[in-house]
Amino acid sequence: MLKSLCIAFATYSRIPTPRVEWTDASLRYAICFFPLIGAVIGAAEYGWFRLAGVLGITGLLRGAVAAALPLLLTGGIHADGFCDTVDALSSHQSRERMLEILKDSHCGAFAVIFFAVWAMLWLAGWTSLDSGVSVLCAGLGLVISRALSGLALTHWSHARKAGMLRTVADAGSKPAVTAAMALYLLAACAGLLLLAPVRGAAVIAVNALALLWYRSMSMRRFGGVTGDLAGCFVTVAELATVLTLALTAGV
């Protein structure tokens, strides 16, 4: 289990972990720990807001650091998937060609434009959060998006016969991953509803809508999920979470 935890954090974050050998046994439960990365990021955000309060840091500077933390802690792996997906969708090419674009390491004009829009909204959202409850809710939202992503990669069709996502999914224990993701979702949703019933319900709803969009987009346009599409979903769901909390601040 410890090896699986290290693999999950080494793959989907830049949080230092001991190096372990990638084997079928260690990969079997790796994805089970994916949502924990969201919990760690949420804890870092809460710690930053508490520190900012002590230091008297507010407004744009506090929001900018908060917006940067998830990108720094994940190495931008999900944002990279977002950019690749935008380039592929904006090409309006065949399914096969769009899958090739997903693998292209170059960044197109549409990716730059849409990521700039995403970044502005992301920054605005974090800057608008002004309470510990809001930040805790945001952290729980990061757990939910990753748990939903884990369920999707386990149960949905894959667009490719090979790739990192396919490798992790094929090696994983489907019952164990399903049970783990369900527990994460139950815990995170319960936490949201306890902390802020109305706002928490709104966060759950927008994540569910993001998942429906993800399924429609991935199946209709690509024939299944890929690592890049999963990263795009996490990026979109996280933005939806933060903006929802910002827009419902007065509730």
C-alpha atoms as a PDB file:
ATOM      1  CA  MET A   1       0.000   0.000   0.000  1.00  0.00           C
ATOM      2  CA  LEU A   2       2.834   2.406   0.841  1.00  0.00           C
ATOM      3  CA  LYS A   3       4.381   1.784  -2.573  1.00  0.00           C
ATOM      4  CA  SER A   4       1.031   2.475  -4.230  1.00  0.00           C
ATOM      5  CA  LEU A   5       0.754   5.729  -2.286  1.00  0.00           C
ATOM      6  CA  CYS A   6       4.235   6.792  -3.403  1.00  0.00           C
ATOM      7  CA  ILE A   7       3.444   5.989  -7.040  1.00  0.00           C
ATOM      8  CA  ALA A   8       0.232   8.028  -6.928  1.00  0.00           C
ATOM      9  CA  PHE A   9       1.976  11.073  -5.486  1.00  0.00           C
ATOM     10  CA  ALA A  10       4.997  10.714  -7.791  1.00  0.00           C
ATOM     11  CA  THR A  11       2.752  10.462 -10.859  1.00  0.00           C
ATOM     12  CA  TYR A  12       0.150  13.119 -10.149  1.00  0.00           C
ATOM     13  CA  SER A  13       2.052  15.630  -8.029  1.00  0.00           C
ATOM     14  CA  ARG A  14       5.447  17.131  -7.312  1.00  0.00           C
ATOM     15  CA  ILE A  15       5.179  16.342  -3.611  1.00  0.00           C
ATOM     16  CA  PRO A  16       8.391  14.491  -2.668  1.00  0.00           C
ATOM     17  CA  THR A  17       7.993  10.761  -1.989  1.00  0.00           C
ATOM     18  CA  PRO A  18      10.450   7.860  -1.762  1.00  0.00           C
ATOM     19  CA  ARG A  19      11.285   6.180  -5.061  1.00  0.00           C
ATOM     20  CA  VAL A  20       9.676   2.777  -5.485  1.00  0.00           C
ATOM     21  CA  GLU A  21       9.665   0.176  -8.223  1.00  0.00           C
ATOM     22  CA  TRP A  22       6.685   0.180 -10.573  1.00  0.00           C
ATOM     23  CA  THR A  23       5.279  -3.337 -10.486  1.00  0.00           C
ATOM     24  CA  ASP A  24       1.833  -4.791 -11.089  1.00  0.00           C
ATOM     25  CA  ALA A  25       1.453  -5.197  -7.338  1.00  0.00           C
ATOM     26  CA  SER A  26       2.384  -1.590  -6.528  1.00  0.00           C
ATOM     27  CA  LEU A  27       0.217  -0.222  -9.350  1.00  0.00           C
ATOM     28  CA  ARG A  28      -2.768  -2.251  -8.221  1.00  0.00           C
ATOM     29  CA  TYR A  29      -3.918   0.295  -5.648  1.00  0.00           C
ATOM     30  CA  ALA A  30      -2.093   3.426  -6.860  1.00  0.00           C
ATOM     31  CA  ILE A  31      -5.160   5.226  -8.161  1.00  0.00           C
ATOM     32  CA  CYS A  32      -6.872   4.649  -4.790  1.00  0.00           C
ATOM     33  CA  PHE A  33      -4.640   7.375  -3.359  1.00  0.00           C
ATOM     34  CA  PHE A  34      -5.196   9.933  -6.135  1.00  0.00           C
ATOM     35  CA  PRO A  35      -7.830  11.959  -4.205  1.00  0.00           C
ATOM     36  CA  LEU A  36      -5.441  12.272  -1.259  1.00  0.00           C
ATOM     37  CA  ILE A  37      -3.413  14.661  -3.404  1.00  0.00           C
ATOM     38  CA  GLY A  38      -6.449  16.935  -3.483  1.00  0.00           C
ATOM     39  CA  ALA A  39      -6.661  16.693   0.300  1.00  0.00           C
ATOM     40  CA  VAL A  40      -2.992  17.657   0.664  1.00  0.00           C
ATOM     41  CA  ILE A  41      -3.468  20.633  -1.667  1.00  0.00           C
ATOM     42  CA  GLY A  42      -6.554  21.655   0.293  1.00  0.00           C
ATOM     43  CA  ALA A  43      -4.581  21.476   3.541  1.00  0.00           C
ATOM     44  CA  ALA A  44      -1.833  23.608   1.993  1.00  0.00           C
ATOM     45  CA  GLU A  45      -4.414  26.179   0.906  1.00  0.00           C
ATOM     46  CA  TYR A  46      -5.949  26.299   4.372  1.00  0.00           C
ATOM     47  CA  GLY A  47      -2.498  26.668   5.919  1.00  0.00           C
ATOM     48  CA  TRP A  48      -1.659  29.496   3.536  1.00  0.00           C
ATOM     49  CA  PHE A  49      -4.867  31.387   4.321  1.00  0.00           C
ATOM     50  CA  ARG A  50      -4.197  31.009   8.043  1.00  0.00           C
ATOM     51  CA  LEU A  51      -0.624  32.244   7.600  1.00  0.00           C
ATOM     52  CA  ALA A  52      -1.810  35.119   5.411  1.00  0.00           C
ATOM     53  CA  GLY A  53      -4.225  36.111   8.167  1.00  0.00           C
ATOM     54  CA  VAL A  54      -1.425  36.202  10.721  1.00  0.00           C
ATOM     55  CA  LEU A  55       0.793  38.244   8.391  1.00  0.00           C
ATOM     56  CA  GLY A  56      -2.012  40.588   7.363  1.00  0.00           C
ATOM     57  CA  ILE A  57      -1.866  39.528   3.705  1.00  0.00           C
ATOM     58  CA  THR A  58      -5.162  39.939   1.880  1.00  0.00           C
ATOM     59  CA  GLY A  59      -6.583  40.579  -1.554  1.00  0.00           C
ATOM     60  CA  LEU A  60      -4.708  39.859  -4.748  1.00  0.00           C
ATOM     61  CA  LEU A  61      -1.448  38.663  -3.196  1.00  0.00           C
ATOM     62  CA  ARG A  62      -3.226  36.113  -1.011  1.00  0.00           C
ATOM     63  CA  GLY A  63      -5.322  34.990  -3.963  1.00  0.00           C
ATOM     64  CA  ALA A  64      -2.333  34.754  -6.301  1.00  0.00           C
ATOM     65  CA  VAL A  65      -0.418  32.467  -3.951  1.00  0.00           C
ATOM     66  CA  ALA A  66      -3.544  30.364  -3.411  1.00  0.00           C
ATOM     67  CA  ALA A  67      -4.069  30.090  -7.168  1.00  0.00           C
ATOM     68  CA  ALA A  68      -0.439  29.105  -7.720  1.00  0.00           C
ATOM     69  CA  LEU A  69      -0.281  26.412  -5.031  1.00  0.00           C
ATOM     70  CA  PRO A  70      -2.254  23.689  -6.889  1.00  0.00           C
ATOM     71  CA  LEU A  71      -0.226  24.251 -10.051  1.00  0.00           C
ATOM     72  CA  LEU A  72       3.050  24.111  -8.145  1.00  0.00           C
ATOM     73  CA  LEU A  73       2.111  21.048  -6.099  1.00  0.00           C
ATOM     74  CA  THR A  74       0.897  19.095  -9.137  1.00  0.00           C
ATOM     75  CA  GLY A  75       3.534  20.324 -11.550  1.00  0.00           C
ATOM     76  CA  GLY A  76       0.726  21.512 -13.812  1.00  0.00           C
ATOM     77  CA  ILE A  77       0.001  17.957 -14.983  1.00  0.00           C
ATOM     78  CA  HIS A  78      -3.767  18.528 -15.143  1.00  0.00           C
ATOM     79  CA  ALA A  79      -3.400  21.980 -16.714  1.00  0.00           C
ATOM     80  CA  ASP A  80      -1.262  20.366 -19.419  1.00  0.00           C
ATOM     81  CA  GLY A  81      -4.109  17.971 -20.150  1.00  0.00           C
ATOM     82  CA  PHE A  82      -6.519  20.908 -20.310  1.00  0.00           C
ATOM     83  CA  CYS A  83      -4.342  22.687 -22.879  1.00  0.00           C
ATOM     84  CA  ASP A  84      -3.895  19.562 -25.006  1.00  0.00           C
ATOM     85  CA  THR A  85      -7.639  18.907 -24.933  1.00  0.00           C
ATOM     86  CA  VAL A  86      -8.470  22.465 -25.965  1.00  0.00           C
ATOM     87  CA  ASP A  87      -6.066  22.216 -28.903  1.00  0.00           C
ATOM     88  CA  ALA A  88      -7.588  18.912 -29.992  1.00  0.00           C
ATOM     89  CA  LEU A  89     -11.201  20.072 -29.718  1.00  0.00           C
ATOM     90  CA  SER A  90     -10.434  23.371 -31.447  1.00  0.00           C
ATOM     91  CA  SER A  91      -8.928  21.574 -34.431  1.00  0.00           C
ATOM     92  CA  HIS A  92     -12.313  20.123 -35.490  1.00  0.00           C
ATOM     93  CA  GLN A  93     -10.442  17.213 -37.041  1.00  0.00           C
ATOM     94  CA  SER A  94     -11.271  13.513 -37.139  1.00  0.00           C
ATOM     95  CA  ARG A  95     -11.193  11.450 -33.952  1.00  0.00           C
ATOM     96  CA  GLU A  96      -7.891   9.859 -34.945  1.00  0.00           C
ATOM     97  CA  ARG A  97      -6.287  13.218 -35.666  1.00  0.00           C
ATOM     98  CA  MET A  98      -7.535  14.691 -32.384  1.00  0.00           C
ATOM     99  CA  LEU A  99      -5.983  11.784 -30.484  1.00  0.00           C
ATOM    100  CA  GLU A 100      -2.699  12.545 -32.231  1.00  0.00           C
ATOM    101  CA  ILE A 101      -2.974  16.213 -31.232  1.00  0.00           C
ATOM    102  CA  LEU A 102      -3.403  15.154 -27.604  1.00  0.00           C
ATOM    103  CA  LYS A 103       0.045  13.558 -27.783  1.00  0.00           C
ATOM    104  CA  ASP A 104       1.642  16.604 -29.429  1.00  0.00           C
ATOM    105  CA  SER A 105       3.939  18.380 -26.974  1.00  0.00           C
ATOM    106  CA  HIS A 106       3.496  21.732 -28.722  1.00  0.00           C
ATOM    107  CA  CYS A 107       1.042  24.299 -27.381  1.00  0.00           C
ATOM    108  CA  GLY A 108      -1.335  25.852 -29.897  1.00  0.00           C
ATOM    109  CA  ALA A 109      -2.923  29.296 -29.966  1.00  0.00           C
ATOM    110  CA  PHE A 110      -6.280  28.066 -28.676  1.00  0.00           C
ATOM    111  CA  ALA A 111      -4.620  26.384 -25.705  1.00  0.00           C
ATOM    112  CA  VAL A 112      -2.870  29.637 -24.787  1.00  0.00           C
ATOM    113  CA  ILE A 113      -6.062  31.675 -25.109  1.00  0.00           C
ATOM    114  CA  PHE A 114      -8.268  29.292 -23.137  1.00  0.00           C
ATOM    115  CA  PHE A 115      -5.659  28.727 -20.447  1.00  0.00           C
ATOM    116  CA  ALA A 116      -5.300  32.498 -20.039  1.00  0.00           C
ATOM    117  CA  VAL A 117      -9.068  32.753 -19.548  1.00  0.00           C
ATOM    118  CA  TRP A 118      -8.987  29.827 -17.112  1.00  0.00           C
ATOM    119  CA  ALA A 119      -6.102  31.398 -15.168  1.00  0.00           C
ATOM    120  CA  MET A 120      -7.877  34.745 -14.831  1.00  0.00           C
ATOM    121  CA  LEU A 121     -11.038  33.090 -13.536  1.00  0.00           C
ATOM    122  CA  TRP A 122      -8.987  30.806 -11.269  1.00  0.00           C
ATOM    123  CA  LEU A 123      -7.177  33.794  -9.776  1.00  0.00           C
ATOM    124  CA  ALA A 124     -10.412  35.747  -9.378  1.00  0.00           C
ATOM    125  CA  GLY A 125     -12.054  32.810  -7.646  1.00  0.00           C
ATOM    126  CA  TRP A 126      -9.307  32.307  -5.084  1.00  0.00           C
ATOM    127  CA  THR A 127      -9.027  36.050  -4.478  1.00  0.00           C
ATOM    128  CA  SER A 128     -12.750  36.149  -3.686  1.00  0.00           C
ATOM    129  CA  LEU A 129     -12.568  33.465  -0.989  1.00  0.00           C
ATOM    130  CA  ASP A 130     -12.376  35.237   2.341  1.00  0.00           C
ATOM    131  CA  SER A 131     -13.085  32.656   5.035  1.00  0.00           C
ATOM    132  CA  GLY A 132     -11.646  29.451   6.375  1.00  0.00           C
ATOM    133  CA  VAL A 133     -14.894  27.639   5.631  1.00  0.00           C
ATOM    134  CA  SER A 134     -14.689  28.620   1.958  1.00  0.00           C
ATOM    135  CA  VAL A 135     -11.121  27.347   1.699  1.00  0.00           C
ATOM    136  CA  LEU A 136     -11.991  24.074   3.420  1.00  0.00           C
ATOM    137  CA  CYS A 137     -14.893  23.634   1.008  1.00  0.00           C
ATOM    138  CA  ALA A 138     -12.556  24.293  -1.908  1.00  0.00           C
ATOM    139  CA  GLY A 139     -10.191  21.626  -0.606  1.00  0.00           C
ATOM    140  CA  LEU A 140     -13.023  19.109  -0.386  1.00  0.00           C
ATOM    141  CA  GLY A 141     -13.937  20.017  -3.953  1.00  0.00           C
ATOM    142  CA  LEU A 142     -10.410  19.068  -5.032  1.00  0.00           C
ATOM    143  CA  VAL A 143     -10.945  15.660  -3.455  1.00  0.00           C
ATOM    144  CA  ILE A 144     -14.291  15.206  -5.223  1.00  0.00           C
ATOM    145  CA  SER A 145     -12.941  16.024  -8.690  1.00  0.00           C
ATOM    146  CA  ARG A 146     -10.138  13.472  -8.300  1.00  0.00           C
ATOM    147  CA  ALA A 147     -12.455  10.803  -6.910  1.00  0.00           C
ATOM    148  CA  LEU A 148     -14.805  11.261  -9.863  1.00  0.00           C
ATOM    149  CA  SER A 149     -11.839  11.104 -12.232  1.00  0.00           C
ATOM    150  CA  GLY A 150     -10.743   7.846 -10.593  1.00  0.00           C
ATOM    151  CA  LEU A 151     -14.193   6.335 -11.064  1.00  0.00           C
ATOM    152  CA  ALA A 152     -14.268   7.436 -14.695  1.00  0.00           C
ATOM    153  CA  LEU A 153     -10.916   5.910 -15.626  1.00  0.00           C
ATOM    154  CA  THR A 154     -11.959   2.660 -13.928  1.00  0.00           C
ATOM    155  CA  HIS A 155     -15.427   2.275 -15.438  1.00  0.00           C
ATOM    156  CA  TRP A 156     -15.442   4.153 -18.750  1.00  0.00           C
ATOM    157  CA  SER A 157     -14.054   3.095 -22.111  1.00  0.00           C
ATOM    158  CA  HIS A 158     -10.529   4.150 -22.993  1.00  0.00           C
ATOM    159  CA  ALA A 159      -9.726   5.881 -26.265  1.00  0.00           C
ATOM    160  CA  ARG A 160      -6.306   4.228 -26.557  1.00  0.00           C
ATOM    161  CA  LYS A 161      -5.065   0.687 -26.111  1.00  0.00           C
ATOM    162  CA  ALA A 162      -1.855   1.994 -24.521  1.00  0.00           C
ATOM    163  CA  GLY A 163      -0.730   4.937 -22.407  1.00  0.00           C
ATOM    164  CA  MET A 164      -0.098   5.788 -18.771  1.00  0.00           C
ATOM    165  CA  LEU A 165      -3.787   6.063 -17.888  1.00  0.00           C
ATOM    166  CA  ARG A 166      -4.527   2.717 -19.535  1.00  0.00           C
ATOM    167  CA  THR A 167      -1.581   1.123 -17.728  1.00  0.00           C
ATOM    168  CA  VAL A 168      -2.765   2.381 -14.343  1.00  0.00           C
ATOM    169  CA  ALA A 169      -6.372   1.416 -15.057  1.00  0.00           C
ATOM    170  CA  ASP A 170      -5.517  -2.093 -16.296  1.00  0.00           C
ATOM    171  CA  ALA A 171      -3.252  -2.772 -13.318  1.00  0.00           C
ATOM    172  CA  GLY A 172      -5.724  -1.413 -10.792  1.00  0.00           C
ATOM    173  CA  SER A 173      -8.158  -3.471  -8.775  1.00  0.00           C
ATOM    174  CA  LYS A 174     -11.561  -2.339 -10.018  1.00  0.00           C
ATOM    175  CA  PRO A 175     -13.475  -3.262  -6.833  1.00  0.00           C
ATOM    176  CA  ALA A 176     -10.847  -1.635  -4.600  1.00  0.00           C
ATOM    177  CA  VAL A 177     -10.705   1.558  -6.669  1.00  0.00           C
ATOM    178  CA  THR A 178     -14.500   1.798  -6.819  1.00  0.00           C
ATOM    179  CA  ALA A 179     -14.836   1.322  -3.064  1.00  0.00           C
ATOM    180  CA  ALA A 180     -12.073   3.820  -2.310  1.00  0.00           C
ATOM    181  CA  MET A 181     -13.509   6.490  -4.607  1.00  0.00           C
ATOM    182  CA  ALA A 182     -16.979   5.985  -3.142  1.00  0.00           C
ATOM    183  CA  LEU A 183     -15.594   6.491   0.367  1.00  0.00           C
ATOM    184  CA  TYR A 184     -13.751   9.652  -0.685  1.00  0.00           C
ATOM    185  CA  LEU A 185     -16.916  10.999  -2.290  1.00  0.00           C
ATOM    186  CA  LEU A 186     -19.085  10.211   0.727  1.00  0.00           C
ATOM    187  CA  ALA A 187     -16.605  11.795   3.135  1.00  0.00           C
ATOM    188  CA  ALA A 188     -16.037  14.901   1.000  1.00  0.00           C
ATOM    189  CA  CYS A 189     -19.735  15.436   0.277  1.00  0.00           C
ATOM    190  CA  ALA A 190     -20.613  14.966   3.943  1.00  0.00           C
ATOM    191  CA  GLY A 191     -17.929  17.465   4.900  1.00  0.00           C
ATOM    192  CA  LEU A 192     -19.252  20.015   2.428  1.00  0.00           C
ATOM    193  CA  LEU A 193     -22.826  19.672   3.635  1.00  0.00           C
ATOM    194  CA  LEU A 194     -21.755  19.968   7.264  1.00  0.00           C
ATOM    195  CA  LEU A 195     -19.536  23.009   6.688  1.00  0.00           C
ATOM    196  CA  ALA A 196     -21.905  24.938   4.418  1.00  0.00           C
ATOM    197  CA  PRO A 197     -25.123  23.121   3.450  1.00  0.00           C
ATOM    198  CA  VAL A 198     -26.237  25.348   0.572  1.00  0.00           C
ATOM    199  CA  ARG A 199     -22.803  26.171  -0.804  1.00  0.00           C
ATOM    200  CA  GLY A 200     -21.666  22.591  -0.302  1.00  0.00           C
ATOM    201  CA  ALA A 201     -24.634  21.290  -2.261  1.00  0.00           C
ATOM    202  CA  ALA A 202     -23.795  23.755  -5.030  1.00  0.00           C
ATOM    203  CA  VAL A 203     -20.197  22.488  -5.169  1.00  0.00           C
ATOM    204  CA  ILE A 204     -21.417  18.894  -5.386  1.00  0.00           C
ATOM    205  CA  ALA A 205     -23.830  19.866  -8.162  1.00  0.00           C
ATOM    206  CA  VAL A 206     -21.252  21.648 -10.329  1.00  0.00           C
ATOM    207  CA  ASN A 207     -18.854  18.722 -10.000  1.00  0.00           C
ATOM    208  CA  ALA A 208     -21.631  16.384 -11.121  1.00  0.00           C
ATOM    209  CA  LEU A 209     -22.330  18.640 -14.104  1.00  0.00           C
ATOM    210  CA  ALA A 210     -18.624  18.718 -14.949  1.00  0.00           C
ATOM    211  CA  LEU A 211     -18.591  14.915 -14.881  1.00  0.00           C
ATOM    212  CA  LEU A 212     -21.557  14.737 -17.265  1.00  0.00           C
ATOM    213  CA  TRP A 213     -19.795  17.137 -19.636  1.00  0.00           C
ATOM    214  CA  TYR A 214     -16.599  15.076 -19.360  1.00  0.00           C
ATOM    215  CA  ARG A 215     -18.391  11.867 -20.287  1.00  0.00           C
ATOM    216  CA  SER A 216     -20.239  13.440 -23.204  1.00  0.00           C
ATOM    217  CA  MET A 217     -17.116  15.133 -24.563  1.00  0.00           C
ATOM    218  CA  SER A 218     -14.766  12.181 -24.154  1.00  0.00           C
ATOM    219  CA  MET A 219     -17.099   9.527 -25.550  1.00  0.00           C
ATOM    220  CA  ARG A 220     -18.566  11.561 -28.397  1.00  0.00           C
ATOM    221  CA  ARG A 221     -15.405  13.272 -29.596  1.00  0.00           C
ATOM    222  CA  PHE A 222     -12.634  10.829 -28.645  1.00  0.00           C
ATOM    223  CA  GLY A 223     -14.294   7.457 -28.165  1.00  0.00           C
ATOM    224  CA  GLY A 224     -13.184   7.165 -24.557  1.00  0.00           C
ATOM    225  CA  VAL A 225     -11.023   8.708 -21.873  1.00  0.00           C
ATOM    226  CA  THR A 226      -7.303   9.466 -21.943  1.00  0.00           C
ATOM    227  CA  GLY A 227      -4.881  10.945 -19.432  1.00  0.00           C
ATOM    228  CA  ASP A 228      -5.148  14.365 -21.055  1.00  0.00           C
ATOM    229  CA  LEU A 229      -8.943  14.311 -20.988  1.00  0.00           C
ATOM    230  CA  ALA A 230      -8.868  13.283 -17.336  1.00  0.00           C
ATOM    231  CA  GLY A 231      -6.558  16.209 -16.593  1.00  0.00           C
ATOM    232  CA  CYS A 232      -8.892  18.539 -18.459  1.00  0.00           C
ATOM    233  CA  PHE A 233     -11.825  17.332 -16.371  1.00  0.00           C
ATOM    234  CA  VAL A 234      -9.973  17.895 -13.091  1.00  0.00           C
ATOM    235  CA  THR A 235      -8.967  21.386 -14.222  1.00  0.00           C
ATOM    236  CA  VAL A 236     -12.503  22.344 -15.244  1.00  0.00           C
ATOM    237  CA  ALA A 237     -14.080  20.821 -12.123  1.00  0.00           C
ATOM    238  CA  GLU A 238     -11.641  22.626  -9.837  1.00  0.00           C
ATOM    239  CA  LEU A 239     -12.417  25.941 -11.493  1.00  0.00           C
ATOM    240  CA  ALA A 240     -16.149  25.258 -11.204  1.00  0.00           C
ATOM    241  CA  THR A 241     -15.703  24.523  -7.489  1.00  0.00           C
ATOM    242  CA  VAL A 242     -13.783  27.708  -6.717  1.00  0.00           C
ATOM    243  CA  LEU A 243     -16.057  29.954  -8.795  1.00  0.00           C
ATOM    244  CA  THR A 244     -19.157  28.434  -7.200  1.00  0.00           C
ATOM    245  CA  LEU A 245     -17.801  29.170  -3.730  1.00  0.00           C
ATOM    246  CA  ALA A 246     -16.888  32.708  -4.790  1.00  0.00           C
ATOM    247  CA  LEU A 247     -20.316  33.372  -6.288  1.00  0.00           C
ATOM    248  CA  THR A 248     -22.165  31.992  -3.262  1.00  0.00           C
ATOM    249  CA  ALA A 249     -20.066  33.817  -0.655  1.00  0.00           C
ATOM    250  CA  GLY A 250     -23.114  35.691   0.613  1.00  0.00           C
ATOM    251  CA  VAL A 251     -25.251  32.589   1.074  1.00  0.00           C
END
